[in-house]
């Protein structure tokens, strides 16, 4: 996108600035972001292989996403497949976006879009963009029964790696028909490549700012990005920095004059678009923290209820607060559990699920026999399960 350095003197238009302050109900929902769910979603996304647009794996990924939403309790009527096609090297490529709609209470016909792509090239794409995909899934799970004034569309785009094909189709034929605006969009919030690189100090997230591709929405997008910065600071442990909006799925909307913002990792991994964009090379803890910021921001943008609604606040599993250290580990992995967890089992597997070590009720695990690399630690207590990625170094 072309960067414009002139002063931002444009009207805020349809985007209304909202005062931001810490809201306890928002924090309670942010606290429901589950590291176990994030890690499990990343593993499952990885197991689907290379999800090239138009491929069988790509279609399987779409089915996997649909089944996730159904398992969260979304009705089939809320889940819409959005087919599109394009020509590449003389071949017609057919694919689908997946759109899930949660209706707002005051403005049912005005939408906050949270989106990211699920297609990949040359590898399983766990960072680019299993990371964004896993966060969108968690946000949808947590907010399913939370009243929001504005409607939310959770959109998983395909065709991003071939030139924003899916998002361009949606922006140009669903949101708009020619120059006619069909869908009243408040904001497009995109998550792309937020997985970090294992071993980096992944403590900062870029908040993407529209710097002038379309002057009609520049000031409003800048304001939205500043609100994203504030939400990230309020509801996650991450530091923030501003980055110019990149060539990703909010761009077709930006060119139509819509307000955009998004997340992108600060320290860029060199693995996306390669066979090494794998679970082993991605940082699930960073994604977990980005997920906290995203859930906080999405509640702000959609104006979620600030009231704690009895049955809405499902308690986190006790095991979600387990502490594991050191990680990476050399000889011993220490496990610190909540006081009320007495009986538990521990299993360490490789990344494809082969069991390598099992223990019962041990808080110091001897891992000296494991080779250097990435592993999965599972702790079970009763009907609760905790999943974490651990690294062994020598």
Protein backbone atom coordinates (compact mmCIF):
# COMPACT_ATOMS: atom_id res chain seq x y z
CA UNK A 1 0.00 0.00 0.00
CA UNK A 2 1.32 3.44 -0.85
CA UNK A 3 2.32 5.37 2.25
CA UNK A 4 1.03 8.93 2.60
CA UNK A 5 2.95 11.28 4.91
CA UNK A 6 0.63 14.29 4.84
CA UNK A 7 -1.29 15.34 7.94
CA UNK A 8 -4.37 13.29 8.71
CA UNK A 9 -7.15 15.87 8.37
CA UNK A 10 -9.87 13.63 7.06
CA UNK A 11 -13.27 13.05 8.61
CA UNK A 12 -13.72 10.07 10.88
CA UNK A 13 -16.85 9.31 8.87
CA UNK A 14 -18.87 6.31 9.95
CA UNK A 15 -16.30 5.15 12.50
CA UNK A 16 -17.11 6.66 15.88
CA UNK A 17 -14.39 6.96 18.49
CA UNK A 18 -15.32 5.30 21.75
CA UNK A 19 -13.80 6.02 25.13
CA UNK A 20 -11.64 3.18 26.30
CA UNK A 21 -11.18 2.05 29.85
CA UNK A 22 -10.54 -1.28 31.50
CA UNK A 23 -13.73 -3.36 31.73
CA UNK A 24 -13.74 -6.29 34.13
CA UNK A 25 -16.29 -8.29 32.13
CA UNK A 26 -14.04 -8.01 29.08
CA UNK A 27 -11.07 -9.20 31.13
CA UNK A 28 -13.05 -12.15 32.48
CA UNK A 29 -13.76 -13.28 28.89
CA UNK A 30 -10.16 -12.65 27.86
CA UNK A 31 -9.15 -14.96 30.69
CA UNK A 32 -11.15 -17.72 28.98
CA UNK A 33 -8.64 -17.83 26.11
CA UNK A 34 -7.19 -21.30 26.52
CA UNK A 35 -3.58 -22.19 25.82
CA UNK A 36 -4.71 -25.79 25.47
CA UNK A 37 -7.27 -24.88 22.80
CA UNK A 38 -4.76 -22.70 20.94
CA UNK A 39 -2.15 -25.47 20.98
CA UNK A 40 -4.63 -28.15 19.95
CA UNK A 41 -5.99 -26.03 17.09
CA UNK A 42 -2.46 -25.42 15.83
CA UNK A 43 -1.68 -29.15 15.90
CA UNK A 44 -4.89 -30.02 14.09
CA UNK A 45 -4.31 -27.28 11.52
CA UNK A 46 -0.82 -28.63 10.93
CA UNK A 47 -2.09 -32.20 10.49
CA UNK A 48 -4.21 -31.06 7.53
CA UNK A 49 -1.04 -30.61 5.49
CA UNK A 50 -0.39 -28.10 2.72
CA UNK A 51 -3.72 -26.34 2.20
CA UNK A 52 -3.18 -24.88 -1.28
CA UNK A 53 -6.26 -23.08 -2.58
CA UNK A 54 -8.38 -25.48 -4.61
CA UNK A 55 -6.77 -28.61 -3.18
CA UNK A 56 -8.41 -31.46 -1.29
CA UNK A 57 -6.51 -30.41 1.84
CA UNK A 58 -7.91 -26.91 1.49
CA UNK A 59 -11.46 -28.32 1.31
CA UNK A 60 -10.71 -30.55 4.31
CA UNK A 61 -9.57 -27.50 6.26
CA UNK A 62 -12.85 -25.75 5.49
CA UNK A 63 -14.76 -28.78 6.78
CA UNK A 64 -12.58 -28.81 9.90
CA UNK A 65 -13.44 -25.16 10.51
CA UNK A 66 -17.17 -25.77 10.04
CA UNK A 67 -17.09 -28.63 12.52
CA UNK A 68 -15.34 -26.41 15.06
CA UNK A 69 -18.13 -23.84 14.90
CA UNK A 70 -20.81 -26.51 15.15
CA UNK A 71 -19.05 -27.91 18.23
CA UNK A 72 -19.16 -24.43 19.81
CA UNK A 73 -22.94 -24.41 19.35
CA UNK A 74 -23.29 -22.18 16.28
CA UNK A 75 -26.34 -23.08 14.21
CA UNK A 76 -25.92 -24.33 10.67
CA UNK A 77 -27.87 -21.25 9.53
CA UNK A 78 -25.11 -19.03 10.94
CA UNK A 79 -22.41 -20.79 8.91
CA UNK A 80 -22.21 -19.91 5.21
CA UNK A 81 -19.81 -21.16 2.56
CA UNK A 82 -18.84 -18.46 0.08
CA UNK A 83 -17.59 -20.08 -3.16
CA UNK A 84 -15.34 -18.30 -5.64
CA UNK A 85 -13.13 -19.21 -8.57
CA UNK A 86 -10.24 -17.73 -10.49
CA UNK A 87 -7.90 -18.69 -13.32
CA UNK A 88 -4.25 -19.46 -12.72
CA UNK A 89 -1.84 -20.64 -15.42
CA UNK A 90 -4.78 -21.49 -17.61
CA UNK A 91 -6.50 -23.57 -14.92
CA UNK A 92 -9.73 -22.73 -13.11
CA UNK A 93 -9.28 -22.86 -9.34
CA UNK A 94 -12.37 -23.33 -7.17
CA UNK A 95 -12.40 -22.65 -3.46
CA UNK A 96 -14.58 -21.30 -0.64
CA UNK A 97 -14.45 -18.78 2.17
CA UNK A 98 -16.25 -19.62 5.40
CA UNK A 99 -18.42 -16.93 7.02
CA UNK A 100 -19.99 -17.22 10.47
CA UNK A 101 -22.38 -14.50 11.63
CA UNK A 102 -23.27 -13.61 15.21
CA UNK A 103 -26.12 -11.08 15.29
CA UNK A 104 -25.84 -7.88 17.29
CA UNK A 105 -28.46 -6.62 19.73
CA UNK A 106 -28.67 -2.93 18.74
CA UNK A 107 -27.15 -2.81 15.26
CA UNK A 108 -27.87 -6.22 13.71
CA UNK A 109 -27.17 -4.95 10.20
CA UNK A 110 -23.80 -3.33 10.94
CA UNK A 111 -20.81 -5.64 11.13
CA UNK A 112 -17.43 -5.95 12.75
CA UNK A 113 -15.44 -8.41 10.65
CA UNK A 114 -12.65 -10.41 12.25
CA UNK A 115 -10.83 -12.38 9.60
CA UNK A 116 -7.76 -14.29 8.48
CA UNK A 117 -6.86 -16.78 5.78
CA UNK A 118 -6.57 -20.55 6.15
CA UNK A 119 -4.91 -21.46 2.83
CA UNK A 120 -1.17 -22.19 2.80
CA UNK A 121 1.62 -22.80 0.30
CA UNK A 122 4.73 -25.00 0.45
CA UNK A 123 4.01 -26.16 3.99
CA UNK A 124 1.35 -26.64 6.66
CA UNK A 125 1.42 -22.88 7.40
CA UNK A 126 1.14 -23.12 11.17
CA UNK A 127 2.32 -19.51 11.52
CA UNK A 128 0.95 -18.26 8.19
CA UNK A 129 -1.89 -18.54 9.01
CA UNK A 130 -2.79 -21.27 11.44
CA UNK A 131 -1.94 -18.72 14.13
CA UNK A 132 -4.63 -16.25 13.09
CA UNK A 133 -7.07 -19.09 12.40
CA UNK A 134 -6.67 -20.53 15.90
CA UNK A 135 -7.28 -17.13 17.51
CA UNK A 136 -10.43 -16.45 15.47
CA UNK A 137 -11.75 -19.85 16.56
CA UNK A 138 -11.09 -19.06 20.23
CA UNK A 139 -12.75 -15.64 19.94
CA UNK A 140 -15.82 -17.22 18.34
CA UNK A 141 -16.00 -19.90 21.03
CA UNK A 142 -15.75 -17.43 23.90
CA UNK A 143 -18.11 -14.79 22.54
CA UNK A 144 -20.80 -17.08 21.14
CA UNK A 145 -23.36 -16.28 23.85
CA UNK A 146 -22.09 -12.82 24.80
CA UNK A 147 -24.42 -10.00 23.67
CA UNK A 148 -22.71 -7.50 21.39
CA UNK A 149 -24.33 -4.31 20.11
CA UNK A 150 -22.86 -4.82 16.62
CA UNK A 151 -23.00 -8.04 14.64
CA UNK A 152 -19.77 -9.96 14.20
CA UNK A 153 -18.69 -11.88 11.13
CA UNK A 154 -15.94 -14.42 11.73
CA UNK A 155 -14.48 -14.94 8.24
CA UNK A 156 -11.90 -17.50 7.17
CA UNK A 157 -10.62 -16.55 3.73
CA UNK A 158 -9.07 -18.88 1.18
CA UNK A 159 -6.93 -17.81 -1.77
CA UNK A 160 -4.89 -15.24 0.15
CA UNK A 161 -1.58 -16.68 -0.97
CA UNK A 162 -2.63 -16.47 -4.62
CA UNK A 163 -3.30 -12.73 -4.43
CA UNK A 164 -6.07 -12.10 -1.86
CA UNK A 165 -8.51 -13.99 -4.07
CA UNK A 166 -11.04 -14.94 -1.42
CA UNK A 167 -11.15 -11.59 0.36
CA UNK A 168 -11.26 -9.69 -2.94
CA UNK A 169 -14.21 -11.84 -4.01
CA UNK A 170 -16.03 -11.18 -0.74
CA UNK A 171 -15.33 -7.44 -0.73
CA UNK A 172 -16.24 -6.97 -4.40
CA UNK A 173 -19.28 -9.23 -4.74
CA UNK A 174 -20.74 -9.70 -1.24
CA UNK A 175 -19.88 -6.53 0.66
CA UNK A 176 -20.19 -4.49 -2.53
CA UNK A 177 -21.90 -5.03 -5.84
CA UNK A 178 -20.04 -2.79 -8.21
CA UNK A 179 -19.89 0.58 -6.47
CA UNK A 180 -22.97 -0.16 -4.34
CA UNK A 181 -22.28 -0.92 -0.69
CA UNK A 182 -24.40 -3.91 0.30
CA UNK A 183 -22.87 -4.75 3.68
CA UNK A 184 -22.65 -2.04 6.34
CA UNK A 185 -19.18 -2.66 7.80
CA UNK A 186 -18.01 -0.91 10.94
CA UNK A 187 -14.49 -2.34 10.91
CA UNK A 188 -12.33 -5.08 9.38
CA UNK A 189 -9.91 -6.61 11.93
CA UNK A 190 -7.45 -9.01 10.28
CA UNK A 191 -5.06 -11.51 11.88
CA UNK A 192 -2.23 -12.81 9.73
CA UNK A 193 1.11 -14.36 10.68
CA UNK A 194 0.95 -13.84 14.43
CA UNK A 195 2.76 -17.06 15.35
CA UNK A 196 6.24 -15.84 16.18
CA UNK A 197 9.38 -17.91 15.73
CA UNK A 198 10.35 -20.30 18.51
CA UNK A 199 13.45 -18.98 20.20
CA UNK A 200 12.75 -15.30 19.51
CA UNK A 201 11.78 -12.86 22.24
CA UNK A 202 8.17 -12.69 21.08
CA UNK A 203 6.84 -9.99 23.40
CA UNK A 204 5.61 -7.36 20.92
CA UNK A 205 2.81 -7.34 18.34
CA UNK A 206 2.46 -5.02 15.39
CA UNK A 207 -0.86 -3.19 15.16
CA UNK A 208 -1.43 -2.53 11.46
CA UNK A 209 -2.28 1.04 10.54
CA UNK A 210 -3.73 2.29 7.27
CA UNK A 211 -1.30 4.95 6.11
CA UNK A 212 -3.10 6.31 3.13
CA UNK A 213 -3.99 3.81 0.43
CA UNK A 214 -7.47 5.32 0.29
CA UNK A 215 -7.63 8.82 1.83
CA UNK A 216 -11.35 8.48 2.53
CA UNK A 217 -10.73 6.09 5.41
CA UNK A 218 -7.22 6.91 6.57
CA UNK A 219 -8.03 8.93 9.68
CA UNK A 220 -10.72 6.51 10.84
CA UNK A 221 -8.38 3.55 10.36
CA UNK A 222 -5.62 5.31 12.27
CA UNK A 223 -8.09 5.90 15.11
CA UNK A 224 -9.14 2.24 15.08
CA UNK A 225 -5.52 1.11 15.24
CA UNK A 226 -4.90 3.36 18.23
CA UNK A 227 -7.89 1.72 19.91
CA UNK A 228 -6.39 -1.67 19.07
CA UNK A 229 -3.14 -0.57 20.72
CA UNK A 230 -5.05 0.44 23.86
CA UNK A 231 -7.02 -2.82 23.99
CA UNK A 232 -3.86 -4.87 23.54
CA UNK A 233 -2.25 -3.05 26.45
CA UNK A 234 -5.36 -3.39 28.63
CA UNK A 235 -6.04 -7.08 28.06
CA UNK A 236 -2.75 -8.79 27.18
CA UNK A 237 0.85 -8.77 28.43
CA UNK A 238 2.15 -7.79 24.98
CA UNK A 239 3.97 -4.64 24.00
CA UNK A 240 2.77 -2.94 20.82
CA UNK A 241 4.25 -1.17 17.85
CA UNK A 242 2.69 0.39 14.74
CA UNK A 243 3.28 -1.06 11.29
CA UNK A 244 2.00 0.03 7.91
CA UNK A 245 -0.91 -2.06 6.63
CA UNK A 246 0.48 -4.95 4.59
CA UNK A 247 -0.70 -6.89 1.57
CA UNK A 248 -3.18 -9.14 3.34
CA UNK A 249 -6.92 -9.74 3.49
CA UNK A 250 -8.05 -6.33 4.74
CA UNK A 251 -6.66 -4.61 1.61
CA UNK A 252 -9.67 -5.30 -0.70
CA UNK A 253 -11.88 -3.70 1.97
CA UNK A 254 -9.50 -0.78 2.45
CA UNK A 255 -9.61 -0.04 -1.26
CA UNK A 256 -13.40 0.22 -0.97
CA UNK A 257 -13.07 2.82 1.76
CA UNK A 258 -13.69 0.56 4.76
CA UNK A 259 -11.97 1.04 8.12
CA UNK A 260 -9.23 -1.54 8.71
CA UNK A 261 -6.75 -2.63 11.34
CA UNK A 262 -5.01 -5.86 12.28
CA UNK A 263 -2.25 -7.80 14.00
CA UNK A 264 1.06 -9.01 12.55
CA UNK A 265 4.08 -10.42 14.37
CA UNK A 266 6.79 -7.85 15.21
CA UNK A 267 9.83 -10.12 14.84
CA UNK A 268 9.25 -11.75 11.47
CA UNK A 269 9.74 -15.46 11.16
CA UNK A 270 11.58 -16.65 8.05
CA UNK A 271 9.56 -19.88 7.88
CA UNK A 272 6.26 -18.80 6.24
CA UNK A 273 5.88 -20.01 2.63
CA UNK A 274 8.33 -22.84 3.32
CA UNK A 275 8.03 -26.46 4.39
CA UNK A 276 9.42 -25.38 7.77
CA UNK A 277 6.35 -23.35 8.73
CA UNK A 278 5.51 -26.06 11.23
CA UNK A 279 4.20 -26.41 14.75
CA UNK A 280 7.73 -27.04 16.03
CA UNK A 281 8.92 -23.67 14.74
CA UNK A 282 5.95 -21.62 16.03
CA UNK A 283 5.48 -20.06 19.47
CA UNK A 284 2.08 -21.08 20.94
CA UNK A 285 2.54 -18.86 24.00
CA UNK A 286 2.88 -15.80 21.77
CA UNK A 287 -0.28 -16.81 19.88
CA UNK A 288 -2.06 -17.27 23.22
CA UNK A 289 -1.10 -13.73 24.23
CA UNK A 290 -2.12 -12.30 20.85
CA UNK A 291 -5.42 -14.14 21.35
CA UNK A 292 -5.98 -12.28 24.61
CA UNK A 293 -5.47 -8.96 22.88
CA UNK A 294 -7.75 -10.00 20.02
CA UNK A 295 -10.62 -11.06 22.31
CA UNK A 296 -10.32 -7.83 24.28
CA UNK A 297 -10.27 -5.71 21.12
CA UNK A 298 -13.12 -7.57 19.45
CA UNK A 299 -15.34 -6.96 22.48
CA UNK A 300 -14.48 -3.26 22.31
CA UNK A 301 -15.10 -2.93 18.58
CA UNK A 302 -18.39 -4.88 18.70
CA UNK A 303 -19.38 -3.28 22.05
CA UNK A 304 -19.89 -6.41 24.10
CA UNK A 305 -22.01 -6.48 27.23
CA UNK A 306 -20.21 -5.10 30.26
CA UNK A 307 -22.42 -7.11 32.61
CA UNK A 308 -21.36 -10.48 33.96
CA UNK A 309 -24.16 -12.76 32.88
CA UNK A 310 -24.31 -15.67 35.29
CA UNK A 311 -23.97 -18.65 32.98
CA UNK A 312 -21.78 -16.90 30.42
CA UNK A 313 -18.58 -16.96 32.45
CA UNK A 314 -17.47 -20.57 32.28
CA UNK A 315 -14.57 -21.18 34.60
CA UNK A 316 -11.18 -22.02 33.21
CA UNK A 317 -9.91 -25.51 33.81
CA UNK A 318 -7.73 -25.63 36.92
CA UNK A 319 -5.04 -27.11 34.73
CA UNK A 320 -4.88 -23.98 32.56
CA UNK A 321 -2.94 -22.29 35.38
CA UNK A 322 -0.26 -25.00 35.51
CA UNK A 323 3.30 -23.62 35.42
CA UNK A 324 6.02 -25.53 33.58
CA UNK A 325 9.67 -24.60 33.92
CA UNK A 326 12.31 -24.34 32.70
CA UNK A 327 11.16 -24.33 29.10
CA UNK A 328 13.42 -25.07 27.25
CA UNK A 329 14.57 -27.79 29.65
CA UNK A 330 17.73 -29.92 29.72
CA UNK A 331 17.46 -32.58 32.42
CA UNK A 332 14.38 -31.84 34.55
CA UNK A 333 11.00 -30.35 33.76
CA UNK A 334 9.22 -28.94 36.81
CA UNK A 335 5.43 -28.87 37.04
CA UNK A 336 3.64 -26.52 39.44
CA UNK A 337 -0.07 -27.28 39.85
CA UNK A 338 -2.93 -25.57 41.71
CA UNK A 339 -3.28 -26.81 45.27
CA UNK A 340 -6.60 -28.55 44.61
CA UNK A 341 -5.10 -30.81 41.90
CA UNK A 342 -3.94 -33.93 43.71
CA UNK A 343 -4.13 -36.80 41.24
CA UNK A 344 -2.81 -36.30 37.73
CA UNK A 345 -0.97 -38.06 34.95
CA UNK A 346 1.72 -36.64 32.69
CA UNK A 347 2.55 -37.75 29.17
CA UNK A 348 5.16 -36.42 26.74
CA UNK A 349 4.68 -37.20 23.07
CA UNK A 350 6.43 -36.24 19.87
CA UNK A 351 4.67 -33.79 17.56
CA UNK A 352 2.77 -36.53 15.74
CA UNK A 353 1.43 -38.05 18.96
CA UNK A 354 3.79 -40.97 19.67
CA UNK A 355 4.01 -41.46 23.43
CA UNK A 356 7.56 -41.19 24.76
CA UNK A 357 7.19 -40.82 28.52
CA UNK A 358 4.39 -41.29 31.07
CA UNK A 359 4.33 -40.47 34.77
CA UNK A 360 1.73 -40.32 37.56
CA UNK A 361 1.67 -37.61 40.23
CA UNK A 362 5.26 -36.50 39.59
CA UNK A 363 6.07 -32.79 39.60
CA UNK A 364 9.70 -33.24 38.53
CA UNK A 365 10.01 -35.07 35.22
CA UNK A 366 13.38 -36.45 34.12
CA UNK A 367 13.69 -35.53 30.45
CA UNK A 368 17.41 -36.19 30.07
CA UNK A 369 16.68 -39.17 27.83
CA UNK A 370 14.84 -37.11 25.23
CA UNK A 371 16.58 -35.81 22.14
CA UNK A 372 16.87 -32.08 21.50
CA UNK A 373 13.67 -30.79 19.90
CA UNK A 374 10.01 -29.86 20.39
CA UNK A 375 7.52 -32.09 22.22
CA UNK A 376 3.95 -32.04 23.52
CA UNK A 377 3.26 -32.26 27.24
CA UNK A 378 -0.20 -33.45 28.29
CA UNK A 379 -1.41 -33.34 31.88
CA UNK A 380 -4.71 -34.98 32.79
CA UNK A 381 -6.66 -34.74 36.03
CA UNK A 382 -10.18 -36.14 36.11
CA UNK A 383 -11.98 -34.85 33.03
CA UNK A 384 -9.55 -31.96 32.53
CA UNK A 385 -6.64 -31.93 30.09
CA UNK A 386 -3.85 -29.40 29.65
CA UNK A 387 -1.65 -29.35 26.52
CA UNK A 388 1.60 -27.42 26.21
CA UNK A 389 4.54 -27.32 23.83
CA UNK A 390 7.91 -27.94 25.51
CA UNK A 391 11.42 -27.70 24.16
CA UNK A 392 14.33 -29.93 25.12
CA UNK A 393 17.83 -28.57 24.65
CA UNK A 394 21.17 -30.25 25.21
